[in-house]
Structures are given as structure tokens and as C-alpha cells.
C-alpha atoms as a PDB file:
ATOM      1  CA  MET A   1     -16.842  -4.895  -3.977  1.00  0.00           C
ATOM      2  CA  VAL A   2     -14.459  -2.317  -2.594  1.00  0.00           C
ATOM      3  CA  HIS A   3     -14.505  -1.658   1.060  1.00  0.00           C
ATOM      4  CA  ASP A   4     -16.560   1.256   1.697  1.00  0.00           C
ATOM      5  CA  VAL A   5     -14.016   3.152   3.769  1.00  0.00           C
ATOM      6  CA  ALA A   6     -11.424   2.614   1.096  1.00  0.00           C
ATOM      7  CA  LYS A   7     -13.900   3.578  -1.873  1.00  0.00           C
ATOM      8  CA  VAL A   8     -14.847   6.803  -0.252  1.00  0.00           C
ATOM      9  CA  GLY A   9     -11.633   7.850   1.655  1.00  0.00           C
ATOM     10  CA  PHE A  10      -9.263   7.247  -1.028  1.00  0.00           C
ATOM     11  CA  ASP A  11     -11.460   8.690  -3.664  1.00  0.00           C
ATOM     12  CA  ARG A  12     -12.107  11.842  -1.706  1.00  0.00           C
ATOM     13  CA  GLU A  13      -8.304  12.447  -0.656  1.00  0.00           C
ATOM     14  CA  ALA A  14      -6.470  10.954  -3.565  1.00  0.00           C
ATOM     15  CA  GLU A  15      -4.510  14.077  -4.011  1.00  0.00           C
ATOM     16  CA  VAL A  16      -3.600  14.272  -0.429  1.00  0.00           C
ATOM     17  CA  TYR A  17      -2.574  10.505  -0.578  1.00  0.00           C
ATOM     18  CA  GLU A  18      -0.255  11.006  -3.419  1.00  0.00           C
ATOM     19  CA  ARG A  19       1.301  14.189  -1.765  1.00  0.00           C
ATOM     20  CA  SER A  20       1.806  12.732   1.777  1.00  0.00           C
ATOM     21  CA  ARG A  21       2.097   8.958   1.665  1.00  0.00           C
ATOM     22  CA  PRO A  22       5.722   7.537   1.776  1.00  0.00           C
ATOM     23  CA  SER A  23       7.429   5.786  -1.057  1.00  0.00           C
ATOM     24  CA  TYR A  24       9.410   2.545  -0.827  1.00  0.00           C
ATOM     25  CA  PRO A  25      13.011   2.104   0.003  1.00  0.00           C
ATOM     26  CA  PRO A  26      15.199   1.227  -3.252  1.00  0.00           C
ATOM     27  CA  GLU A  27      16.422  -2.039  -1.332  1.00  0.00           C
ATOM     28  CA  ALA A  28      12.889  -3.302  -0.913  1.00  0.00           C
ATOM     29  CA  VAL A  29      11.961  -2.485  -4.614  1.00  0.00           C
ATOM     30  CA  ALA A  30      15.200  -4.255  -5.760  1.00  0.00           C
ATOM     31  CA  TRP A  31      14.325  -7.324  -3.561  1.00  0.00           C
ATOM     32  CA  LEU A  32      10.994  -7.287  -4.994  1.00  0.00           C
ATOM     33  CA  VAL A  33      11.935  -6.983  -8.673  1.00  0.00           C
ATOM     34  CA  ASP A  34      14.650  -9.593  -8.251  1.00  0.00           C
ATOM     35  CA  ASN A  35      12.546 -12.247  -6.501  1.00  0.00           C
ATOM     36  CA  LEU A  36       9.640 -11.597  -8.819  1.00  0.00           C
ATOM     37  CA  ARG A  37      12.070 -11.797 -11.734  1.00  0.00           C
ATOM     38  CA  ILE A  38      10.512  -8.581 -13.214  1.00  0.00           C
ATOM     39  CA  GLY A  39      12.230  -7.433 -16.478  1.00  0.00           C
ATOM     40  CA  PRO A  40      11.698  -7.125 -20.210  1.00  0.00           C
ATOM     41  CA  GLY A  41       9.484  -9.628 -21.737  1.00  0.00           C
ATOM     42  CA  GLY A  42       7.334 -10.266 -18.755  1.00  0.00           C
ATOM     43  CA  VAL A  43       3.764  -9.110 -17.857  1.00  0.00           C
ATOM     44  CA  VAL A  44       3.390  -7.419 -14.448  1.00  0.00           C
ATOM     45  CA  VAL A  45       0.273  -6.312 -12.740  1.00  0.00           C
ATOM     46  CA  ASP A  46       0.460  -3.758  -9.965  1.00  0.00           C
ATOM     47  CA  LEU A  47      -2.774  -4.546  -8.299  1.00  0.00           C
ATOM     48  CA  ALA A  48      -4.735  -1.817  -6.069  1.00  0.00           C
ATOM     49  CA  ALA A  49      -2.132   0.497  -7.331  1.00  0.00           C
ATOM     50  CA  GLY A  50      -3.638   3.518  -5.782  1.00  0.00           C
ATOM     51  CA  THR A  51      -1.719   6.696  -7.211  1.00  0.00           C
ATOM     52  CA  GLY A  52       1.236   4.534  -8.402  1.00  0.00           C
ATOM     53  CA  LYS A  53       3.613   4.832  -5.468  1.00  0.00           C
ATOM     54  CA  LEU A  54       5.196   1.383  -6.299  1.00  0.00           C
ATOM     55  CA  THR A  55       4.059   1.455 -10.050  1.00  0.00           C
ATOM     56  CA  ARG A  56       6.490   4.184 -10.848  1.00  0.00           C
ATOM     57  CA  LEU A  57       9.281   2.353  -8.954  1.00  0.00           C
ATOM     58  CA  LEU A  58       8.603  -0.963 -11.035  1.00  0.00           C
ATOM     59  CA  ALA A  59       8.661   0.709 -14.424  1.00  0.00           C
ATOM     60  CA  PRO A  60      12.366   1.117 -14.784  1.00  0.00           C
ATOM     61  CA  ALA A  61      12.587  -2.803 -14.743  1.00  0.00           C
ATOM     62  CA  GLY A  62      11.264  -2.915 -18.253  1.00  0.00           C
ATOM     63  CA  ALA A  63       8.407  -5.321 -18.011  1.00  0.00           C
ATOM     64  CA  ALA A  64       4.975  -4.593 -19.572  1.00  0.00           C
ATOM     65  CA  LEU A  65       3.327  -3.013 -16.660  1.00  0.00           C
ATOM     66  CA  VAL A  66      -0.521  -2.739 -16.038  1.00  0.00           C
ATOM     67  CA  ALA A  67      -1.845  -1.095 -13.081  1.00  0.00           C
ATOM     68  CA  VAL A  68      -5.279  -2.231 -11.575  1.00  0.00           C
ATOM     69  CA  GLU A  69      -7.075   0.229  -9.479  1.00  0.00           C
ATOM     70  CA  PRO A  70     -10.695   0.309  -8.678  1.00  0.00           C
ATOM     71  CA  VAL A  71     -11.055   3.834  -6.931  1.00  0.00           C
ATOM     72  CA  VAL A  72     -11.754   6.593  -9.533  1.00  0.00           C
ATOM     73  CA  GLY A  73     -10.007   9.266  -7.692  1.00  0.00           C
ATOM     74  CA  MET A  74      -6.685   7.329  -7.146  1.00  0.00           C
ATOM     75  CA  SER A  75      -6.620   6.046 -10.907  1.00  0.00           C
ATOM     76  CA  GLU A  76      -7.057   9.563 -12.127  1.00  0.00           C
ATOM     77  CA  VAL A  77      -4.050  10.632 -10.214  1.00  0.00           C
ATOM     78  CA  LEU A  78      -2.031   7.478 -11.387  1.00  0.00           C
ATOM     79  CA  ARG A  79      -3.051   8.367 -15.142  1.00  0.00           C
ATOM     80  CA  ARG A  80      -1.764  11.873 -14.740  1.00  0.00           C
ATOM     81  CA  VAL A  81       1.667  10.715 -12.996  1.00  0.00           C
ATOM     82  CA  LEU A  82       2.303   7.790 -15.184  1.00  0.00           C
ATOM     83  CA  PRO A  83       0.491   8.407 -18.627  1.00  0.00           C
ATOM     84  CA  ALA A  84       2.429   5.642 -20.241  1.00  0.00           C
ATOM     85  CA  VAL A  85       1.152   2.963 -17.860  1.00  0.00           C
ATOM     86  CA  PRO A  86      -2.328   1.309 -18.691  1.00  0.00           C
ATOM     87  CA  VAL A  87      -4.599   1.574 -15.996  1.00  0.00           C
ATOM     88  CA  VAL A  88      -7.815  -0.728 -15.655  1.00  0.00           C
ATOM     89  CA  ALA A  89     -10.360  -0.939 -13.181  1.00  0.00           C
ATOM     90  CA  GLY A  90     -10.836  -4.227 -11.268  1.00  0.00           C
ATOM     91  CA  THR A  91     -10.486  -5.873  -7.887  1.00  0.00           C
ATOM     92  CA  ALA A  92      -8.348  -8.647  -6.455  1.00  0.00           C
ATOM     93  CA  GLU A  93     -11.356 -10.785  -6.228  1.00  0.00           C
ATOM     94  CA  ALA A  94     -12.428 -10.386 -10.030  1.00  0.00           C
ATOM     95  CA  LEU A  95      -9.138  -9.581 -11.985  1.00  0.00           C
ATOM     96  CA  PRO A  96      -9.652  -8.454 -15.516  1.00  0.00           C
ATOM     97  CA  PHE A  97      -7.179 -10.771 -17.137  1.00  0.00           C
ATOM     98  CA  GLU A  98      -7.322 -14.060 -18.926  1.00  0.00           C
ATOM     99  CA  ALA A  99      -6.157 -17.259 -17.258  1.00  0.00           C
ATOM    100  CA  SER A 100      -2.303 -17.751 -17.023  1.00  0.00           C
ATOM    101  CA  SER A 101      -1.625 -14.494 -18.883  1.00  0.00           C
ATOM    102  CA  VAL A 102       0.462 -12.916 -16.133  1.00  0.00           C
ATOM    103  CA  ASP A 103       3.877 -13.223 -15.023  1.00  0.00           C
ATOM    104  CA  ALA A 104       4.028 -11.526 -11.650  1.00  0.00           C
ATOM    105  CA  VAL A 105       1.562  -9.558  -9.463  1.00  0.00           C
ATOM    106  CA  CYS A 106       2.671  -6.829  -7.090  1.00  0.00           C
ATOM    107  CA  ILE A 107       0.455  -5.674  -4.191  1.00  0.00           C
ATOM    108  CA  ALA A 108       1.428  -2.722  -2.146  1.00  0.00           C
ATOM    109  CA  GLN A 109      -0.314  -1.422   0.938  1.00  0.00           C
ATOM    110  CA  ALA A 110      -3.490  -2.961  -0.127  1.00  0.00           C
ATOM    111  CA  PHE A 111      -3.886  -6.642   0.769  1.00  0.00           C
ATOM    112  CA  HIS A 112      -5.583  -6.078   3.952  1.00  0.00           C
ATOM    113  CA  TRP A 113      -8.386  -4.880   2.138  1.00  0.00           C
ATOM    114  CA  PHE A 114      -8.953  -8.187   0.172  1.00  0.00           C
ATOM    115  CA  ASP A 115     -10.818 -11.236   0.670  1.00  0.00           C
ATOM    116  CA  ALA A 116      -7.868 -13.436   1.130  1.00  0.00           C
ATOM    117  CA  GLY A 117      -9.248 -16.620  -0.111  1.00  0.00           C
ATOM    118  CA  ARG A 118     -10.886 -15.110  -3.094  1.00  0.00           C
ATOM    119  CA  ALA A 119      -8.047 -13.022  -3.828  1.00  0.00           C
ATOM    120  CA  PHE A 120      -5.591 -15.879  -3.992  1.00  0.00           C
ATOM    121  CA  ALA A 121      -8.135 -17.965  -6.304  1.00  0.00           C
ATOM    122  CA  GLU A 122      -7.875 -15.271  -8.595  1.00  0.00           C
ATOM    123  CA  LEU A 123      -4.314 -14.829  -8.528  1.00  0.00           C
ATOM    124  CA  ALA A 124      -3.864 -18.626  -9.268  1.00  0.00           C
ATOM    125  CA  ARG A 125      -6.062 -18.294 -12.219  1.00  0.00           C
ATOM    126  CA  VAL A 126      -4.340 -15.163 -13.950  1.00  0.00           C
ATOM    127  CA  LEU A 127      -0.618 -16.237 -12.993  1.00  0.00           C
ATOM    128  CA  ARG A 128       1.303 -18.569 -15.200  1.00  0.00           C
ATOM    129  CA  PRO A 129       2.799 -21.619 -13.410  1.00  0.00           C
ATOM    130  CA  GLY A 130       5.918 -20.355 -11.955  1.00  0.00           C
ATOM    131  CA  GLY A 131       4.616 -16.787 -11.809  1.00  0.00           C
ATOM    132  CA  ARG A 132       5.055 -14.981  -8.684  1.00  0.00           C
ATOM    133  CA  VAL A 133       3.078 -12.615  -6.183  1.00  0.00           C
ATOM    134  CA  GLY A 134       4.855  -9.921  -4.281  1.00  0.00           C
ATOM    135  CA  LEU A 135       3.468  -7.865  -1.334  1.00  0.00           C
ATOM    136  CA  LEU A 136       4.811  -5.097   0.716  1.00  0.00           C
ATOM    137  CA  TRP A 137       3.664  -2.857   3.395  1.00  0.00           C
ATOM    138  CA  ASN A 138       4.932   0.296   5.084  1.00  0.00           C
ATOM    139  CA  ALA A 139       4.129  -0.678   8.672  1.00  0.00           C
ATOM    140  CA  ARG A 140       4.199   1.825  11.377  1.00  0.00           C
ATOM    141  CA  ASP A 141       7.232   1.980  13.602  1.00  0.00           C
ATOM    142  CA  ARG A 142       6.308   3.439  16.930  1.00  0.00           C
ATOM    143  CA  ALA A 143       9.748   3.422  18.178  1.00  0.00           C
ATOM    144  CA  VAL A 144      10.009   7.196  18.526  1.00  0.00           C
ATOM    145  CA  ASP A 145       8.109   8.969  21.045  1.00  0.00           C
ATOM    146  CA  TRP A 146       6.374  11.765  19.178  1.00  0.00           C
ATOM    147  CA  VAL A 147       5.578   9.346  16.423  1.00  0.00           C
ATOM    148  CA  ASP A 148       4.022   6.875  18.958  1.00  0.00           C
ATOM    149  CA  GLN A 149       1.872   9.892  20.153  1.00  0.00           C
ATOM    150  CA  VAL A 150       0.530  10.765  16.601  1.00  0.00           C
ATOM    151  CA  TRP A 151      -0.249   6.975  16.013  1.00  0.00           C
ATOM    152  CA  ALA A 152      -2.045   6.749  19.450  1.00  0.00           C
ATOM    153  CA  ILE A 153      -4.386   9.496  18.226  1.00  0.00           C
ATOM    154  CA  MET A 154      -5.167   7.308  15.105  1.00  0.00           C
ATOM    155  CA  ASP A 155      -5.848   4.114  17.387  1.00  0.00           C
ATOM    156  CA  ALA A 156      -9.066   5.570  18.408  1.00  0.00           C
ATOM    157  CA  VAL A 157     -10.137   6.346  14.797  1.00  0.00           C
ATOM    158  CA  GLU A 158      -8.854   3.088  13.274  1.00  0.00           C
ATOM    159  CA  LYS A 159     -10.141   0.476  15.795  1.00  0.00           C
ATOM    160  CA  HIS A 160     -11.769  -1.672  12.959  1.00  0.00           C
ATOM    161  CA  ALA A 161      -9.290  -0.912  10.286  1.00  0.00           C
ATOM    162  CA  PRO A 162      -8.662  -3.855   8.092  1.00  0.00           C
ATOM    163  CA  TRP A 163      -5.044  -3.204   8.151  1.00  0.00           C
ATOM    164  CA  ARG A 164      -4.691  -4.066  11.638  1.00  0.00           C
ATOM    165  CA  ASP A 165      -4.994  -7.577  10.867  1.00  0.00           C
ATOM    166  CA  HIS A 166      -1.525  -7.385   9.324  1.00  0.00           C
ATOM    167  CA  GLU A 167      -0.393  -5.640  12.291  1.00  0.00           C
ATOM    168  CA  ARG A 168      -1.712  -8.238  14.727  1.00  0.00           C
ATOM    169  CA  GLY A 169      -1.288 -11.346  12.740  1.00  0.00           C
ATOM    170  CA  GLY A 170       1.667 -10.623  10.557  1.00  0.00           C
ATOM    171  CA  ASP A 171       1.414 -12.937   7.506  1.00  0.00           C
ATOM    172  CA  LYS A 172      -1.227 -15.441   8.695  1.00  0.00           C
ATOM    173  CA  ASN A 173      -3.350 -14.560   5.736  1.00  0.00           C
ATOM    174  CA  LEU A 174      -0.760 -15.211   3.216  1.00  0.00           C
ATOM    175  CA  HIS A 175      -0.086 -18.934   4.099  1.00  0.00           C
ATOM    176  CA  GLY A 176      -1.784 -22.037   2.853  1.00  0.00           C
ATOM    177  CA  HIS A 177      -3.557 -21.072  -0.266  1.00  0.00           C
ATOM    178  CA  PRO A 178      -4.041 -23.846  -2.968  1.00  0.00           C
ATOM    179  CA  GLY A 179      -1.810 -23.398  -5.963  1.00  0.00           C
ATOM    180  CA  PHE A 180       0.950 -21.617  -3.991  1.00  0.00           C
ATOM    181  CA  GLY A 181       4.296 -22.595  -2.791  1.00  0.00           C
ATOM    182  CA  PRO A 182       5.993 -21.446   0.560  1.00  0.00           C
ATOM    183  CA  LEU A 183       5.940 -17.777   1.813  1.00  0.00           C
ATOM    184  CA  HIS A 184       9.271 -15.920   1.470  1.00  0.00           C
ATOM    185  CA  ALA A 185       9.806 -12.828   3.637  1.00  0.00           C
ATOM    186  CA  GLU A 186      12.070 -10.007   4.361  1.00  0.00           C
ATOM    187  CA  THR A 187      12.052  -6.789   6.378  1.00  0.00           C
ATOM    188  CA  PHE A 188      13.350  -3.348   5.571  1.00  0.00           C
ATOM    189  CA  ARG A 189      13.364   0.078   7.248  1.00  0.00           C
ATOM    190  CA  HIS A 190      13.431   3.646   5.986  1.00  0.00           C
ATOM    191  CA  GLU A 191      12.232   7.019   7.132  1.00  0.00           C
ATOM    192  CA  HIS A 192       9.910   9.572   5.324  1.00  0.00           C
ATOM    193  CA  ALA A 193      11.006  13.234   5.692  1.00  0.00           C
ATOM    194  CA  MET A 194       8.204  15.677   6.005  1.00  0.00           C
ATOM    195  CA  THR A 195       7.300  19.291   7.195  1.00  0.00           C
ATOM    196  CA  PRO A 196       4.997  19.406  10.083  1.00  0.00           C
ATOM    197  CA  ALA A 197       2.172  20.476   7.629  1.00  0.00           C
ATOM    198  CA  GLY A 198       2.965  17.397   5.624  1.00  0.00           C
ATOM    199  CA  VAL A 199       2.630  15.068   8.768  1.00  0.00           C
ATOM    200  CA  VAL A 200      -0.959  16.530   9.194  1.00  0.00           C
ATOM    201  CA  GLU A 201      -1.602  15.684   5.546  1.00  0.00           C
ATOM    202  CA  ARG A 202      -0.353  12.313   6.104  1.00  0.00           C
ATOM    203  CA  ILE A 203      -3.010  11.801   8.587  1.00  0.00           C
ATOM    204  CA  GLN A 204      -5.558  13.647   6.599  1.00  0.00           C
ATOM    205  CA  GLY A 205      -4.987  10.928   3.676  1.00  0.00           C
ATOM    206  CA  VAL A 206      -5.533   7.929   5.941  1.00  0.00           C
ATOM    207  CA  SER A 207      -8.700   6.485   4.679  1.00  0.00           C
ATOM    208  CA  HIS A 208     -10.428   6.132   8.127  1.00  0.00           C
ATOM    209  CA  VAL A 209      -9.834  10.122   8.827  1.00  0.00           C
ATOM    210  CA  ALA A 210     -10.800  10.908   5.080  1.00  0.00           C
ATOM    211  CA  VAL A 211     -14.175   9.467   5.583  1.00  0.00           C
ATOM    212  CA  LEU A 212     -14.970  11.399   8.856  1.00  0.00           C
ATOM    213  CA  GLU A 213     -17.406  14.416   8.907  1.00  0.00           C
ATOM    214  CA  PRO A 214     -15.514  17.657   8.559  1.00  0.00           C
ATOM    215  CA  ALA A 215     -15.973  18.488  12.405  1.00  0.00           C
ATOM    216  CA  ALA A 216     -14.758  15.068  13.537  1.00  0.00           C
ATOM    217  CA  GLN A 217     -11.875  15.218  10.942  1.00  0.00           C
ATOM    218  CA  ALA A 218     -10.918  18.566  12.119  1.00  0.00           C
ATOM    219  CA  VAL A 219     -10.577  17.318  15.996  1.00  0.00           C
ATOM    220  CA  VAL A 220      -8.145  14.454  14.829  1.00  0.00           C
ATOM    221  CA  LEU A 221      -6.105  16.955  12.750  1.00  0.00           C
ATOM    222  CA  ASP A 222      -5.984  19.652  15.566  1.00  0.00           C
ATOM    223  CA  SER A 223      -4.860  16.840  17.970  1.00  0.00           C
ATOM    224  CA  ILE A 224      -1.889  15.982  15.646  1.00  0.00           C
ATOM    225  CA  ARG A 225      -1.087  19.752  15.423  1.00  0.00           C
ATOM    226  CA  ASP A 226      -0.980  19.850  19.243  1.00  0.00           C
ATOM    227  CA  VAL A 227       1.505  17.152  19.422  1.00  0.00           C
ATOM    228  CA  LEU A 228       3.764  18.543  16.886  1.00  0.00           C
ATOM    229  CA  ALA A 229       3.460  22.024  18.287  1.00  0.00           C
ATOM    230  CA  THR A 230       4.236  20.840  21.896  1.00  0.00           C
ATOM    231  CA  HIS A 231       6.325  17.810  21.822  1.00  0.00           C
ATOM    232  CA  PRO A 232      10.176  18.761  22.502  1.00  0.00           C
ATOM    233  CA  ASP A 233      11.311  16.593  19.572  1.00  0.00           C
ATOM    234  CA  THR A 234       8.961  18.394  17.133  1.00  0.00           C
ATOM    235  CA  ARG A 235       8.232  21.839  18.575  1.00  0.00           C
ATOM    236  CA  GLY A 236       9.705  24.442  16.268  1.00  0.00           C
ATOM    237  CA  ARG A 237      11.267  22.135  13.604  1.00  0.00           C
ATOM    238  CA  ASP A 238      10.830  22.427   9.888  1.00  0.00           C
ATOM    239  CA  GLU A 239      11.496  18.906   8.875  1.00  0.00           C
ATOM    240  CA  LEU A 240      10.344  15.709  10.795  1.00  0.00           C
ATOM    241  CA  ARG A 241      11.115  11.957   9.891  1.00  0.00           C
ATOM    242  CA  ILE A 242       8.503   9.339  10.220  1.00  0.00           C
ATOM    243  CA  PRO A 243      10.108   5.756  10.630  1.00  0.00           C
ATOM    244  CA  TYR A 244       8.585   2.891   8.788  1.00  0.00           C
ATOM    245  CA  ARG A 245       9.306  -0.863   8.967  1.00  0.00           C
ATOM    246  CA  VAL A 246       8.664  -2.585   5.420  1.00  0.00           C
ATOM    247  CA  ASP A 247       7.529  -5.864   5.372  1.00  0.00           C
ATOM    248  CA  CYS A 248       7.926  -7.763   2.061  1.00  0.00           C
ATOM    249  CA  TYR A 249       6.699 -11.199   0.819  1.00  0.00           C
ATOM    250  CA  TRP A 250       6.538 -13.254  -2.117  1.00  0.00           C
ATOM    251  CA  LEU A 251       4.864 -16.526  -3.231  1.00  0.00           C
ATOM    252  CA  GLU A 252       5.167 -18.688  -6.285  1.00  0.00           C
ATOM    253  CA  ARG A 253       2.305 -20.061  -8.532  1.00  0.00           C
ATOM    254  CA  THR A 254       2.694 -23.725  -8.503  1.00  0.00           C
ATOM    255  CA  ASP A 255       1.290 -26.574 -10.790  1.00  0.00           C
ATOM    256  CA  GLY A 256      -0.593 -27.965  -8.054  1.00  0.00           C
END
């Protein structure tokens, strides 16, 4: 089952998601490709691929790439953006692959939606021994005052958002799963350059905002516009830069 907020919100605002969500920095992608040994001859799954933000960055490595995405609106965008990449419906807890048939699985900006135990059991089933799982998140960096004010508005909307488990607990849900070796981690940073209107769209594409009734959503977006119009660091500017911390991890499928 797909979380109701993700299913409805991401389906409703898939085009906004594609336009407004940040990509991932080249050094983070290179780290992932290197440590997951992604290259020609390998079979790689981009799980919960969304609109293909990570998928398009993995394609140049030359592996046989398959995207898995359960939300129809997202998969439609992905197919349009990357017509050469097969897209199949599926979830982390019920992967549409045979046992020991995959060399690597990548999960970007999505693991917090999964049932961790069931997902890792499925990953252990479909990965070949020695295959690897890579995970990454664009995590919110609130060090800049106007950005902190924007995310503070979101705090009230996202009190029960599953991604806050990652924010609060770091990598606790990635440890101790049968059939996997130790967790390896690295952190990168980058910025997403956007217009003020783009920042508003960035918030509109967040799942917990996308599912709001129109009047409630308008209140949230108007609050964001007010910050951008009045804060001394954003008022009158045509380009704004949202900072992100990129949390990256990998684990290897063992024989045990």
C-alpha cells in the first residue's frame, strides 16, 4: 500500500513536483554510482523513482536501468521525461522482480514512506549476494534565516510527515536488517536556485500541502509569499537559493 498522503499529493501535483524539486549534486551521484558499482552489464532499480529526478542522473552510467513508481501521476511524467527507461508499478514492500535478479537498488527521497522491515526483506530477496542498496535525501538546511522562516510555516503542516523520522532519527531505520552488512554514510551540500514564484511552487509540490483543500492550501502559499515579499534577504530579488544537505548511504547484500 502507498501512504495516502503520498498517493494523493504526488499524483495531484506531479507536474509541480517535476518543475520545483531540486536535483542532486554531481558529487553525490558519483559517490552513489561508484559505491553501488553501477555500470554496463548491471541491472539497477530506481525505487520510488517519482518523476525521475535521480533516474536521469543514473542513466549515463550505462547500466540496465528500471524505474519503479506506484503513483500514476509521477510515472506519467517519468515516462515522458525518460522514454527509454522502463517504468513499472510496484512498492518497496512488494517488488516486481524475481529473486536474486538485481545488482543495485537506489532510493532517493522516498525511504521514509516505506515499512522499513518489509522493504529490507524485499530488497534482500531481489538483490544478488554482493548487490547494494543506495539511499539519499535532500534534507532541509535551515541555517539561512528566510529559508528557516519558510520551513517554519511548513512545520505546522507536516507535524506527522513520515520524512520527519529521518530528520529526527538520522539513519536509525537503516541499521540491523537481516541479510545486509554495515551502513556506510556520506554528506554533501548544494543549493537550488529558484525564482520567488518557484519557491512557492516548491512548497505547493510538497505532499502534505498538495493534499490540502484549496482554501487551506492558499493560506499556506500566501504565507510563503509574504515571507518572500517582506524578508530583507528576499524582497525584490529575482533569484533565491535554497540550501540542502544531501544525506547518502549504502549497504551490501550479504550471504547471511
